[in-house]
Amino acid sequence: MIRSIAAISLMFFEVLIAELLFSPFLEKRRRFPVLLAVSILVCLEIIIMVALLYGYFTDSIFVYGDPAASAWDSVFKFLYYLLVFALTFLCCFVCFRCTEGVWKILFYCAGGYAIQHLSYNVSNMIGAAAGVRTGIWSHLIEVGVCAVVYVVAWLILVYRRRSADNSKSIKAKTLFSLLVLFVCIGLSRITTDDGTRGSLAFWAESLYAVISCILIIGMLFSITQNDRKQNEVDMMAELLHREKEQFRLVKENIDIINIKCHDLKHQLSALRGNLSEEYVKEIENAVMIYNSSVKTGNDILDVILTEKSLFCEKNHVCLTCAVNGAQLAFMDNMDIYSLFGNALSNAIESVSRIDDEERRCISLSSKTSGGFFSVHIENFYDGELQFENGLPLTRGDKNYHGFGLKSMKHIAEKYGGCMSVTAADGKFCLDFLFPPDAGEYGRRNFSR
């Protein structure tokens, strides 16, 4: 009985540790260590109590892994395993917040259980090959294999992933994975308790369990690329909607400011005889700041640069511009707003963190060479930049983190162009290059 309870307790810890591998993707509650310790103690008491109740009601000793067990014993053991999984899930539920729903916790618990069952069957095969099926050496092999499998799983599924799985189909994937996993464990449990089975059946069952667990883990964590791509598309569509609304508001505000400035200049002319020339000049200079409409030959780009110029003037940022906006005729209006708006916003955010005002400079220029149209944006920056897939990691709203750069790259490629980023010696450069037939590329993409 004691050995059986110890074996079930070992299984409990194996499953729980596998589930805790994904703790970086979950939000811990306050006093996490205390909650974890208390929940583990409570769960162990339940495990021991169930084993004792089994002996009390059946007048027999519960034996873990008894090949001579009856069918009812096999059913009990299967339900016992389900209880162990439920208790590990309860521990995670107590220790982590469910801000995004309980399904997210259950999702990682399912992955953890699959990893544990995979490592358990691998240890069984190694033990069988070494001629060690029971005793302390069997448990040592099991613990050692678990440690190796868990480290590999952490490196592949946790260490290389920067964000949690937020797939819309997380509920369906979790239910399907648990169903397959429980069927796999149930069949394994029934065949394990069959004392007449041979070594060939053992190897077939173990390989079946290993392959099933690998497929489950693959479905949960690897074959979710399409889900993440769809999430990115949804995010970028939401950003585009925001940018359209922002453009409308900015254009309205700039139009209103220009009208008011025009009226103020006429009123100042009437006041010249009543006020000192110096005072009138000071007011005119103040008005001219807000009447600094930029003219590039493209109305959309003019709105963007006027908005950014006002912000730069207020925050002591030097913005110089030498762009032929007429060359942007091949590009859709909202693509112009998104491309230049995101690029200048990132540059302004970067230079705003520089203490030295002389280095708070941004330059925007364009040129045409050999039919190719290029745009160059350059600014200073402080600190170190980290790159991922050729793009720098940016700060901002965690829900839309990094989508500005991805959006700019997508727009460039939409017109057959490319985007390049370089950062060295405190200078950040963003370049776009568009081919002579960029307009044709854009029309083909719009027609899809």
Protein backbone atom coordinates (compact mmCIF):
# COMPACT_ATOMS: atom_id res chain seq x y z
CA MET A 1 0.00 0.00 0.00
CA ILE A 2 2.76 2.45 0.95
CA ARG A 3 4.64 1.75 -2.30
CA SER A 4 1.46 2.26 -4.31
CA ILE A 5 0.67 5.56 -2.60
CA ALA A 6 4.27 6.66 -3.12
CA ALA A 7 4.03 5.78 -6.82
CA ILE A 8 0.77 7.71 -7.27
CA SER A 9 2.26 10.66 -5.33
CA LEU A 10 5.29 10.57 -7.64
CA MET A 11 2.93 10.67 -10.61
CA PHE A 12 1.15 13.66 -9.06
CA PHE A 13 4.42 15.57 -8.73
CA GLU A 14 5.50 14.62 -12.25
CA VAL A 15 2.26 15.93 -13.77
CA LEU A 16 2.29 19.08 -11.64
CA ILE A 17 5.90 19.92 -12.48
CA ALA A 18 5.17 19.39 -16.18
CA GLU A 19 2.24 21.80 -15.92
CA LEU A 20 4.33 24.36 -14.03
CA LEU A 21 6.77 24.44 -16.95
CA PHE A 22 4.26 26.80 -18.57
CA SER A 23 4.01 29.14 -15.58
CA PRO A 24 5.76 32.00 -17.50
CA PHE A 25 2.60 32.23 -19.64
CA LEU A 26 0.28 32.48 -16.63
CA GLU A 27 -0.21 35.26 -14.10
CA LYS A 28 0.73 34.15 -10.59
CA ARG A 29 -1.43 35.06 -7.64
CA ARG A 30 -0.08 36.87 -4.62
CA ARG A 31 1.80 34.59 -2.20
CA PHE A 32 2.26 32.03 -4.95
CA PRO A 33 4.74 29.81 -3.02
CA VAL A 34 2.41 29.59 -0.02
CA LEU A 35 -0.61 28.78 -2.17
CA LEU A 36 1.36 26.14 -4.05
CA ALA A 37 2.64 24.47 -0.87
CA VAL A 38 -0.78 24.41 0.78
CA SER A 39 -2.55 23.10 -2.33
CA ILE A 40 0.06 20.33 -2.75
CA LEU A 41 -0.44 19.20 0.86
CA VAL A 42 -4.22 19.15 0.44
CA CYS A 43 -3.98 17.17 -2.80
CA LEU A 44 -1.60 14.62 -1.28
CA GLU A 45 -4.04 14.11 1.59
CA ILE A 46 -6.83 13.47 -0.91
CA ILE A 47 -4.67 10.96 -2.80
CA ILE A 48 -3.87 9.06 0.39
CA MET A 49 -7.48 9.19 1.58
CA VAL A 50 -8.83 7.75 -1.70
CA ALA A 51 -6.34 4.86 -1.56
CA LEU A 52 -7.36 4.11 2.05
CA LEU A 53 -11.06 4.28 1.18
CA TYR A 54 -10.45 1.83 -1.66
CA GLY A 55 -8.98 -0.64 0.79
CA TYR A 56 -11.80 -0.06 3.29
CA PHE A 57 -14.64 -0.68 0.82
CA THR A 58 -13.02 -3.55 -1.13
CA ASP A 59 -11.25 -5.32 1.77
CA SER A 60 -8.12 -5.45 -0.37
CA ILE A 61 -4.89 -3.53 -0.67
CA PHE A 62 -4.57 -1.06 -3.52
CA VAL A 63 -1.58 -2.10 -5.63
CA TYR A 64 -0.27 0.29 -8.28
CA GLY A 65 0.55 -1.55 -11.54
CA ASP A 66 -0.70 -5.01 -10.51
CA PRO A 67 -0.82 -7.17 -13.69
CA ALA A 68 -3.25 -9.58 -12.01
CA ALA A 69 -5.82 -6.88 -11.25
CA SER A 70 -9.48 -7.30 -12.14
CA ALA A 71 -11.35 -5.21 -14.69
CA TRP A 72 -12.91 -3.14 -11.90
CA ASP A 73 -9.44 -2.46 -10.47
CA SER A 74 -8.35 -1.21 -13.89
CA VAL A 75 -11.36 1.09 -14.05
CA PHE A 76 -10.59 2.39 -10.56
CA LYS A 77 -6.96 3.07 -11.46
CA PHE A 78 -8.04 4.93 -14.59
CA LEU A 79 -10.42 7.08 -12.55
CA TYR A 80 -7.64 7.52 -9.98
CA TYR A 81 -5.40 8.93 -12.74
CA LEU A 82 -8.17 11.31 -13.76
CA LEU A 83 -8.42 12.40 -10.12
CA VAL A 84 -4.67 13.06 -10.01
CA PHE A 85 -4.95 15.23 -13.12
CA ALA A 86 -7.94 17.06 -11.64
CA LEU A 87 -5.96 17.73 -8.47
CA THR A 88 -2.99 19.12 -10.42
CA PHE A 89 -5.41 21.35 -12.32
CA LEU A 90 -6.87 22.47 -8.98
CA CYS A 91 -3.37 23.42 -7.79
CA CYS A 92 -2.83 25.52 -10.91
CA PHE A 93 -6.28 27.06 -10.58
CA VAL A 94 -5.51 28.11 -7.01
CA CYS A 95 -2.02 29.44 -7.81
CA PHE A 96 -2.70 31.30 -11.08
CA ARG A 97 -5.19 34.00 -12.02
CA CYS A 98 -7.88 33.22 -14.59
CA THR A 99 -7.95 36.68 -16.16
CA GLU A 100 -8.33 35.16 -19.64
CA GLY A 101 -10.60 32.31 -18.61
CA VAL A 102 -10.10 28.94 -16.98
CA TRP A 103 -9.55 27.34 -20.40
CA LYS A 104 -6.10 28.84 -20.67
CA ILE A 105 -5.00 27.09 -17.47
CA LEU A 106 -6.63 23.84 -18.60
CA PHE A 107 -4.85 24.19 -21.95
CA TYR A 108 -1.42 24.18 -20.30
CA CYS A 109 -2.45 21.44 -17.87
CA ALA A 110 -3.37 19.25 -20.84
CA GLY A 111 0.03 19.93 -22.38
CA GLY A 112 1.75 19.13 -19.09
CA TYR A 113 -0.14 15.84 -18.70
CA ALA A 114 0.82 14.84 -22.25
CA ILE A 115 4.49 15.59 -21.50
CA GLN A 116 4.35 13.51 -18.29
CA HIS A 117 2.69 10.55 -20.01
CA LEU A 118 5.27 10.75 -22.81
CA SER A 119 8.19 10.70 -20.36
CA TYR A 120 6.58 7.88 -18.34
CA ASN A 121 6.30 5.60 -21.37
CA VAL A 122 9.81 6.45 -22.54
CA SER A 123 11.14 5.51 -19.08
CA ASN A 124 9.17 2.23 -19.25
CA MET A 125 10.80 1.34 -22.56
CA ILE A 126 14.26 2.23 -21.26
CA GLY A 127 13.62 0.19 -18.12
CA ALA A 128 12.40 -2.78 -20.15
CA ALA A 129 15.46 -2.61 -22.42
CA ALA A 130 17.70 -2.52 -19.33
CA GLY A 131 15.79 -5.36 -17.67
CA VAL A 132 14.56 -3.11 -14.85
CA ARG A 133 10.76 -3.04 -14.54
CA THR A 134 10.21 -2.65 -10.76
CA GLY A 135 12.01 -1.44 -7.64
CA ILE A 136 14.00 1.65 -6.78
CA TRP A 137 15.99 1.57 -10.03
CA SER A 138 12.77 1.72 -12.02
CA HIS A 139 11.74 4.88 -10.17
CA LEU A 140 15.19 6.42 -10.60
CA ILE A 141 15.02 5.80 -14.36
CA GLU A 142 11.55 7.35 -14.41
CA VAL A 143 12.72 10.47 -12.56
CA GLY A 144 15.83 10.80 -14.75
CA VAL A 145 13.89 10.46 -18.00
CA CYS A 146 11.29 12.94 -16.74
CA ALA A 147 14.02 15.47 -15.99
CA VAL A 148 15.51 15.13 -19.50
CA VAL A 149 12.14 15.23 -21.29
CA TYR A 150 10.99 18.20 -19.20
CA VAL A 151 14.13 20.19 -19.99
CA VAL A 152 13.74 19.48 -23.72
CA ALA A 153 10.03 20.39 -23.56
CA TRP A 154 10.84 23.65 -21.73
CA LEU A 155 13.48 24.60 -24.31
CA ILE A 156 11.15 23.91 -27.25
CA LEU A 157 7.75 24.98 -25.91
CA VAL A 158 8.56 27.71 -23.37
CA TYR A 159 12.04 29.17 -23.81
CA ARG A 160 11.64 29.91 -27.54
CA ARG A 161 8.12 31.26 -27.22
CA ARG A 162 7.67 34.91 -26.18
CA SER A 163 3.93 34.88 -25.67
CA ALA A 164 1.15 32.63 -24.53
CA ASP A 165 -1.20 30.88 -26.89
CA ASN A 166 -4.21 33.17 -27.33
CA SER A 167 -5.84 31.16 -30.07
CA LYS A 168 -9.58 31.51 -30.51
CA SER A 169 -9.78 27.71 -30.79
CA ILE A 170 -8.05 27.07 -27.47
CA LYS A 171 -11.22 25.51 -25.98
CA ALA A 172 -11.72 23.05 -28.85
CA LYS A 173 -8.02 22.11 -28.92
CA THR A 174 -7.97 21.51 -25.17
CA LEU A 175 -11.08 19.32 -25.18
CA PHE A 176 -9.86 17.27 -28.15
CA SER A 177 -6.39 16.81 -26.62
CA LEU A 178 -7.76 15.70 -23.27
CA LEU A 179 -10.15 13.26 -24.97
CA VAL A 180 -7.36 11.65 -26.99
CA LEU A 181 -5.05 11.63 -23.96
CA PHE A 182 -7.60 9.99 -21.66
CA VAL A 183 -8.46 7.38 -24.30
CA CYS A 184 -4.74 6.65 -24.68
CA ILE A 185 -4.24 6.36 -20.92
CA GLY A 186 -7.40 4.28 -20.51
CA LEU A 187 -6.36 1.75 -23.16
CA SER A 188 -2.87 1.62 -21.70
CA ARG A 189 -4.28 0.99 -18.26
CA ILE A 190 -6.49 -1.88 -19.43
CA THR A 191 -3.71 -3.63 -21.36
CA THR A 192 -1.13 -3.10 -18.60
CA ASP A 193 -3.29 -5.04 -16.14
CA ASP A 194 -3.49 -7.98 -18.56
CA GLY A 195 -1.06 -10.54 -17.20
CA THR A 196 -1.16 -12.63 -20.39
CA ARG A 197 0.24 -10.00 -22.73
CA GLY A 198 3.71 -10.47 -24.19
CA SER A 199 6.70 -8.19 -24.68
CA LEU A 200 5.62 -7.33 -28.23
CA ALA A 201 2.32 -5.95 -26.91
CA PHE A 202 4.21 -3.91 -24.30
CA TRP A 203 6.45 -2.28 -26.91
CA ALA A 204 3.51 -1.63 -29.24
CA GLU A 205 1.48 -0.02 -26.43
CA SER A 206 4.40 2.12 -25.30
CA LEU A 207 5.19 3.32 -28.82
CA TYR A 208 1.51 4.04 -29.39
CA ALA A 209 1.40 6.15 -26.23
CA VAL A 210 4.60 8.03 -27.12
CA ILE A 211 3.42 8.82 -30.65
CA SER A 212 -0.02 9.89 -29.41
CA CYS A 213 1.50 12.24 -26.83
CA ILE A 214 3.87 13.76 -29.39
CA LEU A 215 0.93 14.37 -31.74
CA ILE A 216 -1.09 15.95 -28.92
CA ILE A 217 1.79 18.24 -27.94
CA GLY A 218 2.35 19.10 -31.59
CA MET A 219 -1.30 20.01 -32.04
CA LEU A 220 -1.35 22.12 -28.89
CA PHE A 221 1.88 24.05 -29.36
CA SER A 222 3.38 23.58 -32.81
CA ILE A 223 0.49 23.36 -35.22
CA THR A 224 -0.93 26.67 -34.00
CA GLN A 225 0.97 28.85 -36.45
CA ASN A 226 -2.16 29.46 -38.52
CA ASP A 227 -4.00 30.59 -35.39
CA ARG A 228 -1.25 33.05 -34.51
CA LYS A 229 -1.13 34.33 -38.09
CA GLN A 230 -4.88 34.86 -37.99
CA ASN A 231 -4.52 36.72 -34.71
CA GLU A 232 -1.91 38.96 -36.35
CA VAL A 233 -4.24 39.65 -39.27
CA ASP A 234 -7.04 40.55 -36.85
CA MET A 235 -4.70 42.82 -34.89
CA MET A 236 -3.50 44.59 -38.02
CA ALA A 237 -7.09 45.05 -39.21
CA GLU A 238 -7.93 46.64 -35.86
CA LEU A 239 -4.88 48.91 -36.15
CA LEU A 240 -5.96 49.94 -39.64
CA HIS A 241 -9.41 50.83 -38.32
CA ARG A 242 -7.83 52.89 -35.54
CA GLU A 243 -5.56 54.66 -38.03
CA LYS A 244 -8.49 55.55 -40.30
CA GLU A 245 -10.36 57.09 -37.39
CA GLN A 246 -7.21 58.86 -36.17
CA PHE A 247 -6.57 60.28 -39.65
CA ARG A 248 -10.11 61.64 -39.84
CA LEU A 249 -9.79 63.36 -36.46
CA VAL A 250 -6.32 64.74 -37.19
CA LYS A 251 -7.40 66.18 -40.55
CA GLU A 252 -10.47 67.79 -38.97
CA ASN A 253 -8.38 69.30 -36.18
CA ILE A 254 -5.74 70.67 -38.56
CA ASP A 255 -8.41 72.18 -40.82
CA ILE A 256 -10.02 73.85 -37.81
CA ILE A 257 -6.65 75.16 -36.59
CA ASN A 258 -5.81 76.58 -40.02
CA ILE A 259 -9.18 78.35 -40.25
CA LYS A 260 -8.75 79.84 -36.77
CA CYS A 261 -5.18 80.92 -37.55
CA HIS A 262 -6.35 82.60 -40.74
CA ASP A 263 -9.01 84.50 -38.80
CA LEU A 264 -6.51 85.45 -36.08
CA LYS A 265 -4.08 86.92 -38.62
CA HIS A 266 -6.82 89.21 -39.95
CA GLN A 267 -7.76 90.24 -36.40
CA LEU A 268 -4.12 91.00 -35.61
CA SER A 269 -3.94 93.32 -38.62
CA ALA A 270 -6.82 95.32 -37.16
CA LEU A 271 -5.10 95.51 -33.75
CA ARG A 272 -1.74 96.80 -34.98
CA GLY A 273 -2.65 100.39 -34.22
CA ASN A 274 -3.67 99.62 -30.62
CA LEU A 275 -0.81 97.28 -29.62
CA SER A 276 2.96 97.58 -29.74
CA GLU A 277 4.63 96.13 -32.80
CA GLU A 278 6.78 93.88 -30.62
CA TYR A 279 3.74 92.41 -28.89
CA VAL A 280 1.91 91.88 -32.21
CA LYS A 281 5.01 90.17 -33.64
CA GLU A 282 5.15 87.82 -30.67
CA ILE A 283 1.51 86.83 -31.17
CA GLU A 284 2.07 86.34 -34.90
CA ASN A 285 5.00 84.00 -34.22
CA ALA A 286 2.84 81.98 -31.83
CA VAL A 287 0.08 81.76 -34.43
CA MET A 288 2.50 80.77 -37.18
CA ILE A 289 3.57 77.71 -35.17
CA TYR A 290 0.05 76.33 -35.51
CA ASN A 291 -0.28 77.45 -39.09
CA SER A 292 2.78 75.53 -40.21
CA SER A 293 1.10 73.35 -42.82
CA VAL A 294 3.63 71.25 -44.74
CA LYS A 295 3.30 71.10 -48.52
CA THR A 296 4.88 68.06 -50.18
CA GLY A 297 2.58 67.52 -53.14
CA ASN A 298 0.52 64.82 -51.40
CA ASP A 299 -2.44 65.84 -49.22
CA ILE A 300 -2.26 62.76 -46.96
CA LEU A 301 1.46 63.15 -46.31
CA ASP A 302 0.90 66.87 -45.67
CA VAL A 303 -1.58 66.03 -42.90
CA ILE A 304 0.84 63.56 -41.29
CA LEU A 305 3.82 65.91 -41.40
CA THR A 306 1.78 68.87 -40.13
CA GLU A 307 0.57 66.82 -37.16
CA LYS A 308 4.06 65.50 -36.36
CA SER A 309 5.62 68.96 -36.84
CA LEU A 310 3.30 70.46 -34.24
CA PHE A 311 4.18 67.72 -31.78
CA CYS A 312 7.91 68.06 -32.48
CA GLU A 313 7.76 71.85 -32.04
CA LYS A 314 6.09 71.45 -28.69
CA ASN A 315 8.52 68.77 -27.46
CA HIS A 316 11.74 70.33 -28.76
CA VAL A 317 12.33 67.76 -31.50
CA CYS A 318 13.91 68.85 -34.79
CA LEU A 319 12.06 67.32 -37.76
CA THR A 320 13.45 67.99 -41.25
CA CYS A 321 11.62 66.83 -44.35
CA ALA A 322 12.61 66.65 -48.01
CA VAL A 323 10.01 64.42 -49.64
CA ASN A 324 8.42 64.63 -53.06
CA GLY A 325 4.89 63.60 -52.12
CA ALA A 326 3.79 63.50 -55.78
CA GLN A 327 5.92 60.34 -56.17
CA LEU A 328 3.55 58.56 -53.75
CA ALA A 329 0.65 58.61 -56.21
CA PHE A 330 0.96 54.83 -56.66
CA MET A 331 0.09 54.21 -52.99
CA ASP A 332 -3.33 54.03 -51.34
CA ASN A 333 -4.13 56.96 -49.03
CA MET A 334 -4.45 54.83 -45.89
CA ASP A 335 -1.22 52.99 -46.71
CA ILE A 336 0.56 56.37 -46.89
CA TYR A 337 -0.90 57.37 -43.54
CA SER A 338 -0.02 54.04 -41.92
CA LEU A 339 3.49 53.84 -43.36
CA PHE A 340 4.67 57.38 -42.58
CA GLY A 341 2.57 57.73 -39.44
CA ASN A 342 4.03 54.62 -37.82
CA ALA A 343 7.58 55.41 -38.96
CA LEU A 344 7.52 58.97 -37.60
CA SER A 345 5.74 57.95 -34.38
CA ASN A 346 8.47 55.38 -33.66
CA ALA A 347 11.19 57.93 -34.43
CA ILE A 348 9.60 60.60 -32.23
CA GLU A 349 9.17 58.11 -29.38
CA SER A 350 12.84 57.15 -29.68
CA VAL A 351 14.31 60.67 -29.71
CA SER A 352 11.96 61.83 -26.95
CA ARG A 353 13.87 59.58 -24.55
CA ILE A 354 17.18 61.36 -25.35
CA ASP A 355 18.25 63.93 -22.72
CA ASP A 356 20.52 65.87 -25.08
CA GLU A 357 18.20 68.14 -27.10
CA GLU A 358 20.81 68.56 -29.84
CA ARG A 359 20.43 64.84 -30.67
CA ARG A 360 16.63 64.99 -30.79
CA CYS A 361 16.70 65.08 -34.57
CA ILE A 362 14.66 63.25 -37.19
CA SER A 363 15.23 63.50 -40.92
CA LEU A 364 12.84 62.29 -43.61
CA SER A 365 13.89 62.26 -47.26
CA SER A 366 13.05 60.60 -50.55
CA LYS A 367 14.66 60.25 -53.95
CA THR A 368 14.13 58.59 -57.30
CA SER A 369 16.95 56.73 -59.03
CA GLY A 370 16.62 54.50 -62.07
CA GLY A 371 12.86 54.49 -61.68
CA PHE A 372 13.11 53.20 -58.10
CA PHE A 373 11.55 55.37 -55.39
CA SER A 374 13.19 55.26 -51.96
CA VAL A 375 12.33 56.75 -48.59
CA HIS A 376 14.89 57.24 -45.84
CA ILE A 377 14.06 58.03 -42.19
CA GLU A 378 16.87 58.59 -39.73
CA ASN A 379 16.99 59.43 -36.03
CA PHE A 380 19.24 59.13 -32.99
CA TYR A 381 18.54 56.75 -30.10
CA ASP A 382 19.94 55.86 -26.70
CA GLY A 383 20.37 52.41 -25.19
CA GLU A 384 20.49 49.00 -26.83
CA LEU A 385 18.06 47.65 -29.42
CA GLN A 386 17.09 44.00 -29.61
CA PHE A 387 16.18 42.50 -32.99
CA GLU A 388 13.96 39.56 -33.83
CA ASN A 389 13.51 38.32 -37.41
CA GLY A 390 15.22 41.46 -38.69
CA LEU A 391 12.88 43.83 -36.83
CA PRO A 392 13.61 45.70 -33.59
CA LEU A 393 11.48 44.96 -30.56
CA THR A 394 9.50 48.07 -29.69
CA ARG A 395 7.70 49.31 -26.61
CA GLY A 396 4.00 50.02 -26.49
CA ASP A 397 0.61 48.45 -25.95
CA LYS A 398 1.27 44.80 -25.15
CA ASN A 399 -1.75 43.76 -27.23
CA TYR A 400 -0.34 45.49 -30.34
CA HIS A 401 3.35 45.05 -29.52
CA GLY A 402 5.51 45.18 -32.67
CA PHE A 403 2.61 45.39 -35.13
CA GLY A 404 3.58 48.88 -36.33
CA LEU A 405 6.81 47.60 -37.88
CA LYS A 406 5.09 44.51 -39.25
CA SER A 407 2.43 46.75 -40.79
CA MET A 408 5.08 48.92 -42.48
CA LYS A 409 6.88 45.87 -43.84
CA HIS A 410 3.59 44.45 -45.14
CA ILE A 411 2.77 47.74 -46.91
CA ALA A 412 6.21 47.87 -48.58
CA GLU A 413 5.89 44.26 -49.80
CA LYS A 414 2.33 44.94 -50.96
CA TYR A 415 3.75 47.31 -53.59
CA GLY A 416 6.61 45.00 -54.56
CA GLY A 417 9.05 46.92 -52.36
CA CYS A 418 11.10 46.11 -49.31
CA MET A 419 11.90 47.56 -45.91
CA SER A 420 15.29 47.50 -44.20
CA VAL A 421 16.30 48.49 -40.68
CA THR A 422 19.79 49.32 -39.45
CA ALA A 423 20.96 50.56 -36.06
CA ALA A 424 24.55 51.39 -35.20
CA ASP A 425 26.50 54.00 -33.23
CA GLY A 426 23.31 55.50 -31.78
CA LYS A 427 21.74 56.12 -35.20
CA PHE A 428 18.60 54.32 -36.37
CA CYS A 429 17.82 54.15 -40.09
CA LEU A 430 14.62 52.96 -41.71
CA ASP A 431 14.58 52.57 -45.51
CA PHE A 432 11.88 51.71 -48.02
CA LEU A 433 12.52 50.90 -51.68
CA PHE A 434 9.75 50.67 -54.28
CA PRO A 435 10.17 49.44 -57.89
CA PRO A 436 9.08 51.40 -60.98
CA ASP A 437 5.96 49.23 -61.32
CA ALA A 438 4.93 49.58 -57.65
CA GLY A 439 1.51 50.84 -58.69
CA GLU A 440 0.87 47.68 -60.70
CA TYR A 441 1.84 45.54 -57.71
CA GLY A 442 -0.57 47.51 -55.56
CA ARG A 443 -3.46 47.17 -58.03
CA ARG A 444 -2.96 43.39 -58.20
CA ASN A 445 -3.02 43.13 -54.41
CA PHE A 446 -6.12 45.31 -54.11
CA SER A 447 -7.98 43.19 -56.66
CA ARG A 448 -7.46 39.97 -54.68
